[in-house]
């Protein structure tokens, strides 16, 4: 009886610890779509830090050491009208920024972001016949995005990002629902910052009688930026 009590106590402690970590420190998510390619692929399993923008005091809605997201951060958030669904997008506009998009390219505070075509990265391109990969640069940081080779009318704005909110975009600019379609995101809806891909499964390339996905070993335990 004593041994079973020890097992049960250990199990309860483990469950409570796991729930604490998930709720207040690190949360795991699975990427279901290609809206964040080439940075995140369908089948990627990611970790998001809940400490990146402040520590939430357990059993309250209060946070301490609060910091605001930076431009270029990959954030997990919930959209106010669909609070049960988590999204991952990239922060492009901060409070007070003037955002405009012409021909799919971002203009930030009247200054166009810089775009440099990336060559030789076929493995990260979901379809080289249809898409091109670019490095998108602001004065603060840089990240990769993809565009369709045949450009579409993707003009937007201008708008000014309201206080306490951010303007977010998917890295797959022609296949992403984001702030262009449903507005800016309140920072209090942001749950964390993505920092690691801990597993990546490719369901397009299967084995074992076409039943099991292959593992993208080059992406396992890779950092995200």
Foldseek 3Di string as FASTA:
>chain_A
DVVVVVVVVVVVVVVVVVVCCCQWFKNKDADQDDLQALQDHHQFIFIFGQPPAFTADPPDLDTPPGDFDDAQFWFWFADPVGRVDIDTWGFHFAAFWWWKAFLRWIQINNRTWDKDWDPDPVVSDPDVVFKTKIWTDDPVGIDIAIDTPDTDGDTADGDGHHPQWTFTGHRDRVPDDGCRHVHTGGRSRTRGTIWAGQWGWDLVDADDVSPGTDTPVVRHGDTGD
